[in-house]
Amino acid sequence: SLCEDGGAVLDVGGAPVLFDLADPPPEGVDGSWVEV
């Protein structure tokens, strides 16, 4: 999930993991399944 402040949250089995973004992610990534 992308945040308005430019960060992101990865929901890993109900556990939120907060991230900063090095650069803007591509369109359509918000709400998608991702591996980090």
All heavy atoms as atom14 arrays in JSON, in Angstrom:
{
  "sequence": "SLCEDGGAVLDVGGAPVLFDLADPPPEGVDGSWVEV",
  "atom14_mask": [
    [1, 1, 1, 1, 1, 1, 0, 0, 0, 0, 0, 0, 0, 0],
    [1, 1, 1, 1, 1, 1, 1, 1, 0, 0, 0, 0, 0, 0],
    [1, 1, 1, 1, 1, 1, 0, 0, 0, 0, 0, 0, 0, 0],
    [1, 1, 1, 1, 1, 1, 1, 1, 1, 0, 0, 0, 0, 0],
    [1, 1, 1, 1, 1, 1, 1, 1, 0, 0, 0, 0, 0, 0],
    [1, 1, 1, 1, 0, 0, 0, 0, 0, 0, 0, 0, 0, 0],
    [1, 1, 1, 1, 0, 0, 0, 0, 0, 0, 0, 0, 0, 0],
    [1, 1, 1, 1, 1, 0, 0, 0, 0, 0, 0, 0, 0, 0],
    [1, 1, 1, 1, 1, 1, 1, 0, 0, 0, 0, 0, 0, 0],
    [1, 1, 1, 1, 1, 1, 1, 1, 0, 0, 0, 0, 0, 0],
    [1, 1, 1, 1, 1, 1, 1, 1, 0, 0, 0, 0, 0, 0],
    [1, 1, 1, 1, 1, 1, 1, 0, 0, 0, 0, 0, 0, 0],
    [1, 1, 1, 1, 0, 0, 0, 0, 0, 0, 0, 0, 0, 0],
    [1, 1, 1, 1, 0, 0, 0, 0, 0, 0, 0, 0, 0, 0],
    [1, 1, 1, 1, 1, 0, 0, 0, 0, 0, 0, 0, 0, 0],
    [1, 1, 1, 1, 1, 1, 1, 0, 0, 0, 0, 0, 0, 0],
    [1, 1, 1, 1, 1, 1, 1, 0, 0, 0, 0, 0, 0, 0],
    [1, 1, 1, 1, 1, 1, 1, 1, 0, 0, 0, 0, 0, 0],
    [1, 1, 1, 1, 1, 1, 1, 1, 1, 1, 1, 0, 0, 0],
    [1, 1, 1, 1, 1, 1, 1, 1, 0, 0, 0, 0, 0, 0],
    [1, 1, 1, 1, 1, 1, 1, 1, 0, 0, 0, 0, 0, 0],
    [1, 1, 1, 1, 1, 0, 0, 0, 0, 0, 0, 0, 0, 0],
    [1, 1, 1, 1, 1, 1, 1, 1, 0, 0, 0, 0, 0, 0],
    [1, 1, 1, 1, 1, 1, 1, 0, 0, 0, 0, 0, 0, 0],
    [1, 1, 1, 1, 1, 1, 1, 0, 0, 0, 0, 0, 0, 0],
    [1, 1, 1, 1, 1, 1, 1, 0, 0, 0, 0, 0, 0, 0],
    [1, 1, 1, 1, 1, 1, 1, 1, 1, 0, 0, 0, 0, 0],
    [1, 1, 1, 1, 0, 0, 0, 0, 0, 0, 0, 0, 0, 0],
    [1, 1, 1, 1, 1, 1, 1, 0, 0, 0, 0, 0, 0, 0],
    [1, 1, 1, 1, 1, 1, 1, 1, 0, 0, 0, 0, 0, 0],
    [1, 1, 1, 1, 0, 0, 0, 0, 0, 0, 0, 0, 0, 0],
    [1, 1, 1, 1, 1, 1, 0, 0, 0, 0, 0, 0, 0, 0],
    [1, 1, 1, 1, 1, 1, 1, 1, 1, 1, 1, 1, 1, 1],
    [1, 1, 1, 1, 1, 1, 1, 0, 0, 0, 0, 0, 0, 0],
    [1, 1, 1, 1, 1, 1, 1, 1, 1, 0, 0, 0, 0, 0],
    [1, 1, 1, 1, 1, 1, 1, 0, 0, 0, 0, 0, 0, 0]
  ],
  "atom14_positions": [
    [[0.86, -1.19, 0.0], [0.0, 0.0, 0.0], [0.89, 1.22, 0.0], [1.8, 1.33, 0.82], [-0.89, 0.03, 1.25], [-1.76, -1.08, 1.26], [0.0, 0.0, 0.0], [0.0, 0.0, 0.0], [0.0, 0.0, 0.0], [0.0, 0.0, 0.0], [0.0, 0.0, 0.0], [0.0, 0.0, 0.0], [0.0, 0.0, 0.0], [0.0, 0.0, 0.0]],
    [[0.62, 2.13, -0.92], [1.38, 3.38, -0.98], [0.73, 4.41, -0.08], [-0.49, 4.48, 0.02], [1.44, 3.89, -2.42], [2.07, 2.92, -3.43], [2.03, 3.52, -4.83], [3.49, 2.56, -3.03], [0.0, 0.0, 0.0], [0.0, 0.0, 0.0], [0.0, 0.0, 0.0], [0.0, 0.0, 0.0], [0.0, 0.0, 0.0], [0.0, 0.0, 0.0]],
    [[1.55, 5.22, 0.58], [1.08, 6.24, 1.51], [1.2, 7.62, 0.86], [2.06, 7.84, 0.02], [1.88, 6.21, 2.8], [1.89, 4.6, 3.61], [0.0, 0.0, 0.0], [0.0, 0.0, 0.0], [0.0, 0.0, 0.0], [0.0, 0.0, 0.0], [0.0, 0.0, 0.0], [0.0, 0.0, 0.0], [0.0, 0.0, 0.0], [0.0, 0.0, 0.0]],
    [[0.36, 8.53, 1.29], [0.39, 9.89, 0.74], [1.7, 10.61, 1.03], [2.09, 11.5, 0.3], [-0.79, 10.69, 1.27], [-2.12, 10.25, 0.71], [-3.28, 11.08, 1.22], [-3.04, 12.19, 1.75], [-4.41, 10.62, 1.08], [0.0, 0.0, 0.0], [0.0, 0.0, 0.0], [0.0, 0.0, 0.0], [0.0, 0.0, 0.0], [0.0, 0.0, 0.0]],
    [[2.37, 10.23, 2.12], [3.62, 10.9, 2.49], [4.84, 10.4, 1.7], [5.97, 10.8, 1.97], [3.88, 10.75, 3.99], [4.16, 9.32, 4.42], [4.14, 8.4, 3.56], [4.4, 9.1, 5.61], [0.0, 0.0, 0.0], [0.0, 0.0, 0.0], [0.0, 0.0, 0.0], [0.0, 0.0, 0.0], [0.0, 0.0, 0.0], [0.0, 0.0, 0.0]],
    [[4.61, 9.53, 0.72], [5.71, 9.03, -0.09], [6.31, 7.73, 0.41], [7.25, 7.22, -0.18], [0.0, 0.0, 0.0], [0.0, 0.0, 0.0], [0.0, 0.0, 0.0], [0.0, 0.0, 0.0], [0.0, 0.0, 0.0], [0.0, 0.0, 0.0], [0.0, 0.0, 0.0], [0.0, 0.0, 0.0], [0.0, 0.0, 0.0], [0.0, 0.0, 0.0]],
    [[5.76, 7.17, 1.45], [6.23, 5.89, 1.97], [5.35, 4.76, 1.48], [4.48, 4.95, 0.62], [0.0, 0.0, 0.0], [0.0, 0.0, 0.0], [0.0, 0.0, 0.0], [0.0, 0.0, 0.0], [0.0, 0.0, 0.0], [0.0, 0.0, 0.0], [0.0, 0.0, 0.0], [0.0, 0.0, 0.0], [0.0, 0.0, 0.0], [0.0, 0.0, 0.0]],
    [[5.57, 3.58, 2.03], [4.78, 2.42, 1.66], [4.69, 1.48, 2.86], [5.54, 1.49, 3.74], [5.42, 1.7, 0.48], [0.0, 0.0, 0.0], [0.0, 0.0, 0.0], [0.0, 0.0, 0.0], [0.0, 0.0, 0.0], [0.0, 0.0, 0.0], [0.0, 0.0, 0.0], [0.0, 0.0, 0.0], [0.0, 0.0, 0.0], [0.0, 0.0, 0.0]],
    [[3.63, 0.67, 2.86], [3.43, -0.35, 3.88], [3.26, -1.68, 3.16], [2.43, -1.8, 2.25], [2.19, -0.06, 4.74], [1.96, -1.18, 5.74], [2.31, 1.28, 5.43], [0.0, 0.0, 0.0], [0.0, 0.0, 0.0], [0.0, 0.0, 0.0], [0.0, 0.0, 0.0], [0.0, 0.0, 0.0], [0.0, 0.0, 0.0], [0.0, 0.0, 0.0]],
    [[4.06, -2.67, 3.55], [3.92, -4.01, 3.03], [3.22, -4.83, 4.1], [3.74, -5.0, 5.21], [5.29, -4.61, 2.71], [5.28, -5.96, 2.01], [4.69, -5.83, 0.6], [6.68, -6.54, 1.95], [0.0, 0.0, 0.0], [0.0, 0.0, 0.0], [0.0, 0.0, 0.0], [0.0, 0.0, 0.0], [0.0, 0.0, 0.0], [0.0, 0.0, 0.0]],
    [[2.02, -5.32, 3.79], [1.26, -6.15, 4.73], [1.71, -7.6, 4.52], [1.39, -8.22, 3.52], [-0.24, -6.01, 4.46], [-1.08, -6.84, 5.42], [-0.59, -7.85, 5.97], [-2.24, -6.48, 5.62], [0.0, 0.0, 0.0], [0.0, 0.0, 0.0], [0.0, 0.0, 0.0], [0.0, 0.0, 0.0], [0.0, 0.0, 0.0], [0.0, 0.0, 0.0]],
    [[2.46, -8.1, 5.48], [3.0, -9.46, 5.43], [2.22, -10.3, 6.44], [2.53, -10.28, 7.63], [4.51, -9.48, 5.72], [5.07, -10.9, 5.61], [5.27, -8.54, 4.8], [0.0, 0.0, 0.0], [0.0, 0.0, 0.0], [0.0, 0.0, 0.0], [0.0, 0.0, 0.0], [0.0, 0.0, 0.0], [0.0, 0.0, 0.0], [0.0, 0.0, 0.0]],
    [[1.19, -10.95, 5.98], [0.38, -11.79, 6.86], [-0.26, -11.04, 8.0], [-0.37, -11.57, 9.1], [0.0, 0.0, 0.0], [0.0, 0.0, 0.0], [0.0, 0.0, 0.0], [0.0, 0.0, 0.0], [0.0, 0.0, 0.0], [0.0, 0.0, 0.0], [0.0, 0.0, 0.0], [0.0, 0.0, 0.0], [0.0, 0.0, 0.0], [0.0, 0.0, 0.0]],
    [[-0.67, -9.81, 7.78], [-1.29, -8.99, 8.82], [-0.31, -8.14, 9.6], [-0.73, -7.34, 10.43], [0.0, 0.0, 0.0], [0.0, 0.0, 0.0], [0.0, 0.0, 0.0], [0.0, 0.0, 0.0], [0.0, 0.0, 0.0], [0.0, 0.0, 0.0], [0.0, 0.0, 0.0], [0.0, 0.0, 0.0], [0.0, 0.0, 0.0], [0.0, 0.0, 0.0]],
    [[0.98, -8.31, 9.36], [2.0, -7.5, 10.03], [2.44, -6.39, 9.09], [2.99, -6.67, 8.02], [3.2, -8.36, 10.43], [0.0, 0.0, 0.0], [0.0, 0.0, 0.0], [0.0, 0.0, 0.0], [0.0, 0.0, 0.0], [0.0, 0.0, 0.0], [0.0, 0.0, 0.0], [0.0, 0.0, 0.0], [0.0, 0.0, 0.0], [0.0, 0.0, 0.0]],
    [[2.21, -5.13, 9.45], [2.64, -4.04, 8.57], [4.13, -3.78, 8.7], [4.66, -3.68, 9.8], [1.83, -2.84, 9.1], [1.58, -3.16, 10.54], [1.49, -4.65, 10.63], [0.0, 0.0, 0.0], [0.0, 0.0, 0.0], [0.0, 0.0, 0.0], [0.0, 0.0, 0.0], [0.0, 0.0, 0.0], [0.0, 0.0, 0.0], [0.0, 0.0, 0.0]],
    [[4.82, -3.69, 7.56], [6.24, -3.36, 7.52], [6.36, -2.05, 6.75], [5.95, -1.98, 5.58], [7.07, -4.47, 6.85], [8.55, -4.13, 6.89], [6.81, -5.82, 7.51], [0.0, 0.0, 0.0], [0.0, 0.0, 0.0], [0.0, 0.0, 0.0], [0.0, 0.0, 0.0], [0.0, 0.0, 0.0], [0.0, 0.0, 0.0], [0.0, 0.0, 0.0]],
    [[6.89, -1.02, 7.4], [6.99, 0.31, 6.8], [8.25, 0.44, 5.97], [9.32, -0.04, 6.37], [6.98, 1.38, 7.88], [5.8, 1.35, 8.85], [5.98, 2.4, 9.93], [4.49, 1.54, 8.12], [0.0, 0.0, 0.0], [0.0, 0.0, 0.0], [0.0, 0.0, 0.0], [0.0, 0.0, 0.0], [0.0, 0.0, 0.0], [0.0, 0.0, 0.0]],
    [[8.13, 1.13, 4.83], [9.26, 1.37, 3.94], [9.22, 2.8, 3.45], [8.15, 3.38, 3.29], [9.2, 0.47, 2.7], [9.53, -0.97, 2.94], [8.52, -1.88, 3.22], [10.83, -1.42, 2.88], [8.82, -3.22, 3.43], [11.13, -2.75, 3.08], [10.13, -3.65, 3.36], [0.0, 0.0, 0.0], [0.0, 0.0, 0.0], [0.0, 0.0, 0.0]],
    [[10.4, 3.33, 3.14], [10.51, 4.54, 2.33], [10.71, 4.07, 0.9], [11.14, 2.95, 0.65], [11.71, 5.38, 2.77], [11.48, 6.06, 4.12], [10.33, 6.45, 4.4], [12.45, 6.17, 4.9], [0.0, 0.0, 0.0], [0.0, 0.0, 0.0], [0.0, 0.0, 0.0], [0.0, 0.0, 0.0], [0.0, 0.0, 0.0], [0.0, 0.0, 0.0]],
    [[10.39, 4.95, -0.04], [10.55, 4.63, -1.45], [11.76, 5.37, -2.0], [11.87, 6.59, -1.84], [9.3, 5.03, -2.24], [8.01, 4.33, -1.81], [6.82, 4.94, -2.53], [8.09, 2.84, -2.08], [0.0, 0.0, 0.0], [0.0, 0.0, 0.0], [0.0, 0.0, 0.0], [0.0, 0.0, 0.0], [0.0, 0.0, 0.0], [0.0, 0.0, 0.0]],
    [[12.66, 4.65, -2.66], [13.84, 5.27, -3.26], [13.44, 6.13, -4.46], [14.07, 7.14, -4.73], [14.84, 4.21, -3.68], [0.0, 0.0, 0.0], [0.0, 0.0, 0.0], [0.0, 0.0, 0.0], [0.0, 0.0, 0.0], [0.0, 0.0, 0.0], [0.0, 0.0, 0.0], [0.0, 0.0, 0.0], [0.0, 0.0, 0.0], [0.0, 0.0, 0.0]],
    [[12.4, 5.72, -5.15], [11.88, 6.46, -6.29], [10.41, 6.08, -6.46], [9.95, 5.1, -5.88], [12.69, 6.17, -7.57], [12.93, 4.68, -7.78], [12.04, 3.86, -7.48], [14.02, 4.33, -8.24], [0.0, 0.0, 0.0], [0.0, 0.0, 0.0], [0.0, 0.0, 0.0], [0.0, 0.0, 0.0], [0.0, 0.0, 0.0], [0.0, 0.0, 0.0]],
    [[9.64, 6.84, -7.21], [8.23, 6.51, -7.38], [8.05, 5.14, -8.04], [8.72, 4.84, -9.03], [7.7, 7.62, -8.28], [8.69, 8.73, -8.18], [10.01, 8.08, -7.9], [0.0, 0.0, 0.0], [0.0, 0.0, 0.0], [0.0, 0.0, 0.0], [0.0, 0.0, 0.0], [0.0, 0.0, 0.0], [0.0, 0.0, 0.0], [0.0, 0.0, 0.0]],
    [[7.17, 4.32, -7.49], [6.93, 3.0, -8.1], [6.08, 3.16, -9.36], [5.48, 4.21, -9.59], [6.18, 2.25, -7.01], [5.51, 3.31, -6.22], [6.42, 4.5, -6.27], [0.0, 0.0, 0.0], [0.0, 0.0, 0.0], [0.0, 0.0, 0.0], [0.0, 0.0, 0.0], [0.0, 0.0, 0.0], [0.0, 0.0, 0.0], [0.0, 0.0, 0.0]],
    [[6.02, 2.12, -10.16], [5.22, 2.2, -11.39], [3.73, 2.31, -11.1], [3.27, 1.96, -10.01], [5.55, 0.89, -12.12], [6.14, 0.0, -11.1], [6.7, 0.84, -10.01], [0.0, 0.0, 0.0], [0.0, 0.0, 0.0], [0.0, 0.0, 0.0], [0.0, 0.0, 0.0], [0.0, 0.0, 0.0], [0.0, 0.0, 0.0], [0.0, 0.0, 0.0]],
    [[2.99, 2.78, -12.08], [1.53, 2.87, -11.97], [0.95, 1.5, -11.67], [1.45, 0.48, -12.15], [0.94, 3.37, -13.3], [1.29, 4.8, -13.63], [0.37, 5.78, -12.92], [-0.81, 5.47, -12.72], [0.87, 6.86, -12.56], [0.0, 0.0, 0.0], [0.0, 0.0, 0.0], [0.0, 0.0, 0.0], [0.0, 0.0, 0.0], [0.0, 0.0, 0.0]],
    [[-0.1, 1.47, -10.86], [-0.83, 0.24, -10.62], [-0.25, -0.67, -9.56], [-0.8, -1.74, -9.31], [0.0, 0.0, 0.0], [0.0, 0.0, 0.0], [0.0, 0.0, 0.0], [0.0, 0.0, 0.0], [0.0, 0.0, 0.0], [0.0, 0.0, 0.0], [0.0, 0.0, 0.0], [0.0, 0.0, 0.0], [0.0, 0.0, 0.0], [0.0, 0.0, 0.0]],
    [[0.85, -0.28, -8.92], [1.47, -1.15, -7.92], [0.73, -1.08, -6.57], [0.79, -2.02, -5.79], [2.97, -0.84, -7.77], [3.2, 0.44, -7.03], [3.7, -1.98, -7.11], [0.0, 0.0, 0.0], [0.0, 0.0, 0.0], [0.0, 0.0, 0.0], [0.0, 0.0, 0.0], [0.0, 0.0, 0.0], [0.0, 0.0, 0.0], [0.0, 0.0, 0.0]],
    [[0.03, 0.01, -6.31], [-0.69, 0.17, -5.05], [-1.74, -0.94, -4.92], [-2.57, -1.13, -5.8], [-1.35, 1.54, -4.99], [-1.91, 1.87, -3.62], [-1.36, 1.38, -2.62], [-2.91, 2.61, -3.55], [0.0, 0.0, 0.0], [0.0, 0.0, 0.0], [0.0, 0.0, 0.0], [0.0, 0.0, 0.0], [0.0, 0.0, 0.0], [0.0, 0.0, 0.0]],
    [[-1.66, -1.7, -3.84], [-2.61, -2.79, -3.59], [-2.22, -4.11, -4.2], [-2.94, -5.09, -4.06], [0.0, 0.0, 0.0], [0.0, 0.0, 0.0], [0.0, 0.0, 0.0], [0.0, 0.0, 0.0], [0.0, 0.0, 0.0], [0.0, 0.0, 0.0], [0.0, 0.0, 0.0], [0.0, 0.0, 0.0], [0.0, 0.0, 0.0], [0.0, 0.0, 0.0]],
    [[-1.07, -4.17, -4.86], [-0.65, -5.41, -5.52], [0.25, -6.25, -4.61], [0.77, -5.76, -3.62], [0.06, -5.1, -6.84], [1.29, -4.44, -6.58], [0.0, 0.0, 0.0], [0.0, 0.0, 0.0], [0.0, 0.0, 0.0], [0.0, 0.0, 0.0], [0.0, 0.0, 0.0], [0.0, 0.0, 0.0], [0.0, 0.0, 0.0], [0.0, 0.0, 0.0]],
    [[0.42, -7.5, -4.98], [1.32, -8.4, -4.26], [2.75, -8.16, -4.75], [3.0, -8.11, -5.95], [0.92, -9.86, -4.47], [-0.32, -10.18, -3.71], [-1.6, -10.11, -4.17], [-0.39, -10.59, -2.35], [-2.47, -10.45, -3.17], [-1.76, -10.76, -2.05], [0.55, -10.83, -1.36], [-2.2, -11.16, -0.78], [0.12, -11.24, -0.11], [-1.24, -11.39, 0.18]],
    [[3.66, -8.01, -3.78], [5.03, -7.6, -4.07], [5.99, -8.42, -3.22], [5.67, -8.8, -2.09], [5.2, -6.08, -3.76], [6.64, -5.65, -3.84], [4.32, -5.25, -4.67], [0.0, 0.0, 0.0], [0.0, 0.0, 0.0], [0.0, 0.0, 0.0], [0.0, 0.0, 0.0], [0.0, 0.0, 0.0], [0.0, 0.0, 0.0], [0.0, 0.0, 0.0]],
    [[7.17, -8.68, -3.76], [8.27, -9.24, -2.98], [9.33, -8.18, -2.82], [9.7, -7.52, -3.79], [8.87, -10.47, -3.68], [7.98, -11.67, -3.63], [8.66, -12.94, -4.11], [9.86, -12.91, -4.46], [7.97, -13.97, -4.14], [0.0, 0.0, 0.0], [0.0, 0.0, 0.0], [0.0, 0.0, 0.0], [0.0, 0.0, 0.0], [0.0, 0.0, 0.0]],
    [[9.8, -8.01, -1.58], [10.88, -7.08, -1.27], [12.04, -7.88, -0.7], [11.85, -8.68, 0.21], [10.43, -5.99, -0.27], [11.6, -5.07, 0.07], [9.25, -5.21, -0.82], [0.0, 0.0, 0.0], [0.0, 0.0, 0.0], [0.0, 0.0, 0.0], [0.0, 0.0, 0.0], [0.0, 0.0, 0.0], [0.0, 0.0, 0.0], [0.0, 0.0, 0.0]]
  ]
}
